[in-house]
Amino acid sequence: MWRDESCPQRTYVPPEKIKALSANHSLMRRVRSTIRMIFGIPDYELYLDYWYAAPPKDEAAPLSEKEFFRQAIDERYGNGNRTRCC
């Protein structure tokens, strides 16, 4: 088989390095989730985690990302017929 010099060789990655990368990814995911919660942005990844941990009986599959955000916007703002106080 020919070898292309532009392709990097596969190197061994020790398990400790993989665990460290995984921990960093987990930390960044928690930070991102916290920031979304502070600003009131729905977190689709968190929804999927909860859904796979205990799937509801009435849903065969989790909502798509687009359906999830549509439902979150409808829950937050209603159908647009809300009255304002001012």
N, C-alpha and C. Protein backbone atom coordinates (compact mmCIF):
# COMPACT_ATOMS: atom_id res chain seq x y z
N MET A 1 0.84 -1.18 0.00
CA MET A 1 0.00 0.00 0.00
C MET A 1 0.89 1.24 0.00
N TRP A 2 0.50 2.24 -0.71
CA TRP A 2 1.30 3.46 -0.82
C TRP A 2 1.11 4.33 0.41
N ARG A 3 2.05 5.15 0.68
CA ARG A 3 2.03 6.02 1.85
C ARG A 3 2.03 7.46 1.39
N ASP A 4 1.02 8.20 1.81
CA ASP A 4 0.93 9.63 1.48
C ASP A 4 1.57 10.42 2.62
N GLU A 5 2.52 11.24 2.29
CA GLU A 5 3.24 12.00 3.31
C GLU A 5 2.38 13.06 3.99
N SER A 6 1.28 13.46 3.34
CA SER A 6 0.43 14.48 3.94
C SER A 6 -0.47 13.91 5.04
N CYS A 7 -0.62 12.59 5.07
CA CYS A 7 -1.46 11.95 6.10
C CYS A 7 -0.61 11.68 7.34
N PRO A 8 -1.07 12.09 8.49
CA PRO A 8 -0.30 11.82 9.70
C PRO A 8 -0.38 10.34 10.07
N GLN A 9 0.68 9.86 10.67
CA GLN A 9 0.69 8.48 11.13
C GLN A 9 -0.17 8.35 12.38
N ARG A 10 -0.74 7.18 12.53
CA ARG A 10 -1.49 6.93 13.77
C ARG A 10 -0.50 6.75 14.90
N THR A 11 -0.81 7.36 16.00
CA THR A 11 0.06 7.24 17.16
C THR A 11 -0.73 6.67 18.31
N TYR A 12 -0.01 6.08 19.23
CA TYR A 12 -0.63 5.50 20.41
C TYR A 12 -0.99 6.61 21.38
N VAL A 13 -2.22 6.58 21.87
CA VAL A 13 -2.66 7.54 22.88
C VAL A 13 -2.92 6.75 24.16
N PRO A 14 -2.18 7.08 25.21
CA PRO A 14 -2.35 6.32 26.45
C PRO A 14 -3.73 6.55 27.06
N PRO A 15 -4.25 5.55 27.79
CA PRO A 15 -5.58 5.68 28.40
C PRO A 15 -5.70 6.88 29.35
N GLU A 16 -4.61 7.25 30.01
CA GLU A 16 -4.66 8.39 30.92
C GLU A 16 -4.97 9.68 30.16
N LYS A 17 -4.40 9.81 28.97
CA LYS A 17 -4.64 10.99 28.14
C LYS A 17 -6.10 11.02 27.67
N ILE A 18 -6.62 9.86 27.31
CA ILE A 18 -8.02 9.77 26.88
C ILE A 18 -8.95 10.14 28.02
N LYS A 19 -8.65 9.68 29.23
CA LYS A 19 -9.47 10.04 30.40
C LYS A 19 -9.42 11.53 30.66
N ALA A 20 -8.24 12.14 30.51
CA ALA A 20 -8.11 13.57 30.74
C ALA A 20 -8.90 14.36 29.70
N LEU A 21 -8.82 13.94 28.44
CA LEU A 21 -9.59 14.62 27.39
C LEU A 21 -11.09 14.47 27.64
N SER A 22 -11.49 13.29 28.06
CA SER A 22 -12.90 13.05 28.35
C SER A 22 -13.38 13.91 29.51
N ALA A 23 -12.54 14.05 30.54
CA ALA A 23 -12.90 14.89 31.69
C ALA A 23 -13.01 16.35 31.27
N ASN A 24 -12.10 16.81 30.40
CA ASN A 24 -12.18 18.19 29.92
C ASN A 24 -13.44 18.41 29.10
N HIS A 25 -13.79 17.44 28.27
CA HIS A 25 -15.01 17.54 27.48
C HIS A 25 -16.23 17.61 28.40
N SER A 26 -16.24 16.78 29.43
CA SER A 26 -17.35 16.77 30.37
C SER A 26 -17.45 18.10 31.11
N LEU A 27 -16.31 18.66 31.49
CA LEU A 27 -16.31 19.95 32.18
C LEU A 27 -16.84 21.04 31.26
N MET A 28 -16.38 21.07 30.01
CA MET A 28 -16.86 22.09 29.08
C MET A 28 -18.35 21.93 28.81
N ARG A 29 -18.82 20.71 28.77
CA ARG A 29 -20.25 20.47 28.56
C ARG A 29 -21.07 21.01 29.72
N ARG A 30 -20.58 20.81 30.95
CA ARG A 30 -21.28 21.33 32.13
C ARG A 30 -21.26 22.85 32.16
N VAL A 31 -20.14 23.44 31.78
CA VAL A 31 -20.04 24.91 31.74
C VAL A 31 -21.02 25.45 30.70
N ARG A 32 -21.05 24.84 29.52
CA ARG A 32 -21.96 25.28 28.46
C ARG A 32 -23.42 25.15 28.92
N SER A 33 -23.74 24.05 29.60
CA SER A 33 -25.09 23.85 30.09
C SER A 33 -25.46 24.90 31.14
N THR A 34 -24.52 25.24 32.01
CA THR A 34 -24.77 26.25 33.05
C THR A 34 -25.01 27.62 32.43
N ILE A 35 -24.20 27.97 31.44
CA ILE A 35 -24.38 29.27 30.77
C ILE A 35 -25.73 29.33 30.08
N ARG A 36 -26.12 28.24 29.43
CA ARG A 36 -27.44 28.21 28.78
C ARG A 36 -28.54 28.39 29.81
N MET A 37 -28.40 27.75 30.97
CA MET A 37 -29.42 27.85 32.00
C MET A 37 -29.52 29.30 32.52
N ILE A 38 -28.38 29.96 32.69
CA ILE A 38 -28.37 31.34 33.18
C ILE A 38 -29.12 32.26 32.22
N PHE A 39 -28.90 32.08 30.93
CA PHE A 39 -29.52 32.95 29.94
C PHE A 39 -30.88 32.45 29.47
N GLY A 40 -31.36 31.33 30.01
CA GLY A 40 -32.68 30.84 29.66
C GLY A 40 -32.76 30.14 28.32
N ILE A 41 -31.63 29.66 27.83
CA ILE A 41 -31.61 28.94 26.55
C ILE A 41 -31.83 27.46 26.84
N PRO A 42 -32.78 26.82 26.18
CA PRO A 42 -33.01 25.39 26.43
C PRO A 42 -31.79 24.56 26.00
N ASP A 43 -31.53 23.49 26.76
CA ASP A 43 -30.35 22.66 26.53
C ASP A 43 -30.78 21.31 25.95
N TYR A 44 -30.59 21.13 24.65
CA TYR A 44 -31.01 19.91 23.97
C TYR A 44 -30.21 18.69 24.44
N GLU A 45 -28.91 18.86 24.67
CA GLU A 45 -28.08 17.75 25.13
C GLU A 45 -28.56 17.24 26.49
N LEU A 46 -28.92 18.15 27.38
CA LEU A 46 -29.42 17.77 28.69
C LEU A 46 -30.76 17.05 28.56
N TYR A 47 -31.61 17.52 27.66
CA TYR A 47 -32.88 16.85 27.38
C TYR A 47 -32.65 15.42 26.93
N LEU A 48 -31.69 15.22 26.02
CA LEU A 48 -31.41 13.86 25.55
C LEU A 48 -30.88 12.97 26.68
N ASP A 49 -30.03 13.54 27.53
CA ASP A 49 -29.53 12.75 28.67
C ASP A 49 -30.68 12.28 29.55
N TYR A 50 -31.60 13.20 29.88
CA TYR A 50 -32.75 12.83 30.70
C TYR A 50 -33.66 11.85 29.98
N TRP A 51 -33.84 12.05 28.68
CA TRP A 51 -34.75 11.20 27.92
C TRP A 51 -34.23 9.76 27.88
N TYR A 52 -32.94 9.59 27.63
CA TYR A 52 -32.39 8.24 27.57
C TYR A 52 -32.28 7.60 28.95
N ALA A 53 -32.15 8.40 30.00
CA ALA A 53 -32.10 7.85 31.35
C ALA A 53 -33.45 7.29 31.77
N ALA A 54 -34.53 7.97 31.43
CA ALA A 54 -35.89 7.52 31.78
C ALA A 54 -36.84 7.96 30.68
N PRO A 55 -36.92 7.19 29.59
CA PRO A 55 -37.79 7.63 28.48
C PRO A 55 -39.26 7.64 28.89
N PRO A 56 -39.99 8.67 28.49
CA PRO A 56 -41.42 8.72 28.80
C PRO A 56 -42.17 7.61 28.07
N LYS A 57 -43.23 7.15 28.67
CA LYS A 57 -44.01 6.05 28.10
C LYS A 57 -44.74 6.46 26.83
N ASP A 58 -45.13 7.74 26.72
CA ASP A 58 -45.94 8.17 25.58
C ASP A 58 -45.12 8.56 24.35
N GLU A 59 -43.80 8.62 24.46
CA GLU A 59 -42.96 9.00 23.31
C GLU A 59 -42.13 7.79 22.86
N ALA A 60 -42.16 7.51 21.55
CA ALA A 60 -41.39 6.39 21.02
C ALA A 60 -39.93 6.78 20.80
N ALA A 61 -39.70 8.04 20.51
CA ALA A 61 -38.34 8.53 20.26
C ALA A 61 -38.24 9.95 20.80
N PRO A 62 -37.02 10.39 21.12
CA PRO A 62 -36.89 11.77 21.60
C PRO A 62 -37.21 12.76 20.49
N LEU A 63 -37.56 13.96 20.88
CA LEU A 63 -37.83 15.02 19.90
C LEU A 63 -36.57 15.35 19.13
N SER A 64 -36.74 15.77 17.89
CA SER A 64 -35.59 16.27 17.14
C SER A 64 -35.19 17.61 17.75
N GLU A 65 -34.02 18.07 17.38
CA GLU A 65 -33.54 19.33 17.94
C GLU A 65 -34.48 20.48 17.56
N LYS A 66 -34.94 20.48 16.33
CA LYS A 66 -35.86 21.53 15.88
C LYS A 66 -37.18 21.47 16.64
N GLU A 67 -37.75 20.27 16.84
CA GLU A 67 -38.99 20.12 17.59
C GLU A 67 -38.81 20.53 19.05
N PHE A 68 -37.65 20.19 19.62
CA PHE A 68 -37.36 20.53 21.01
C PHE A 68 -37.36 22.04 21.22
N PHE A 69 -36.67 22.77 20.34
CA PHE A 69 -36.61 24.22 20.48
C PHE A 69 -37.96 24.87 20.20
N ARG A 70 -38.72 24.33 19.25
CA ARG A 70 -40.06 24.85 18.97
C ARG A 70 -40.95 24.68 20.21
N GLN A 71 -40.88 23.52 20.86
CA GLN A 71 -41.68 23.28 22.05
C GLN A 71 -41.24 24.20 23.19
N ALA A 72 -39.93 24.41 23.33
CA ALA A 72 -39.43 25.29 24.39
C ALA A 72 -39.89 26.73 24.17
N ILE A 73 -39.87 27.20 22.93
CA ILE A 73 -40.32 28.56 22.64
C ILE A 73 -41.82 28.69 22.89
N ASP A 74 -42.59 27.67 22.49
CA ASP A 74 -44.03 27.72 22.73
C ASP A 74 -44.35 27.72 24.22
N GLU A 75 -43.60 26.94 25.01
CA GLU A 75 -43.82 26.91 26.46
C GLU A 75 -43.46 28.26 27.09
N ARG A 76 -42.43 28.89 26.58
CA ARG A 76 -41.99 30.15 27.18
C ARG A 76 -42.85 31.33 26.78
N TYR A 77 -43.20 31.42 25.50
CA TYR A 77 -43.91 32.59 25.02
C TYR A 77 -45.37 32.33 24.66
N GLY A 78 -45.80 31.09 24.70
CA GLY A 78 -47.18 30.80 24.35
C GLY A 78 -47.39 30.91 22.86
N ASN A 79 -48.64 31.12 22.47
CA ASN A 79 -48.93 31.20 21.04
C ASN A 79 -48.91 32.63 20.52
N GLY A 80 -48.44 33.56 21.29
CA GLY A 80 -48.31 34.95 20.84
C GLY A 80 -49.48 35.82 21.22
N ASN A 81 -50.47 35.29 21.92
CA ASN A 81 -51.66 36.07 22.28
C ASN A 81 -51.60 36.58 23.72
N ARG A 82 -50.43 36.62 24.30
CA ARG A 82 -50.31 37.10 25.67
C ARG A 82 -50.46 38.61 25.69
N THR A 83 -51.03 39.08 26.77
CA THR A 83 -51.15 40.53 26.94
C THR A 83 -49.99 41.02 27.79
N ARG A 84 -49.58 42.22 27.53
CA ARG A 84 -48.48 42.81 28.28
C ARG A 84 -49.04 43.66 29.41
N CYS A 85 -48.27 43.82 30.44
CA CYS A 85 -48.72 44.64 31.56
C CYS A 85 -48.49 46.11 31.29
N CYS A 86 -47.60 46.46 30.40
CA CYS A 86 -47.28 47.88 30.17
C CYS A 86 -47.54 48.29 28.74
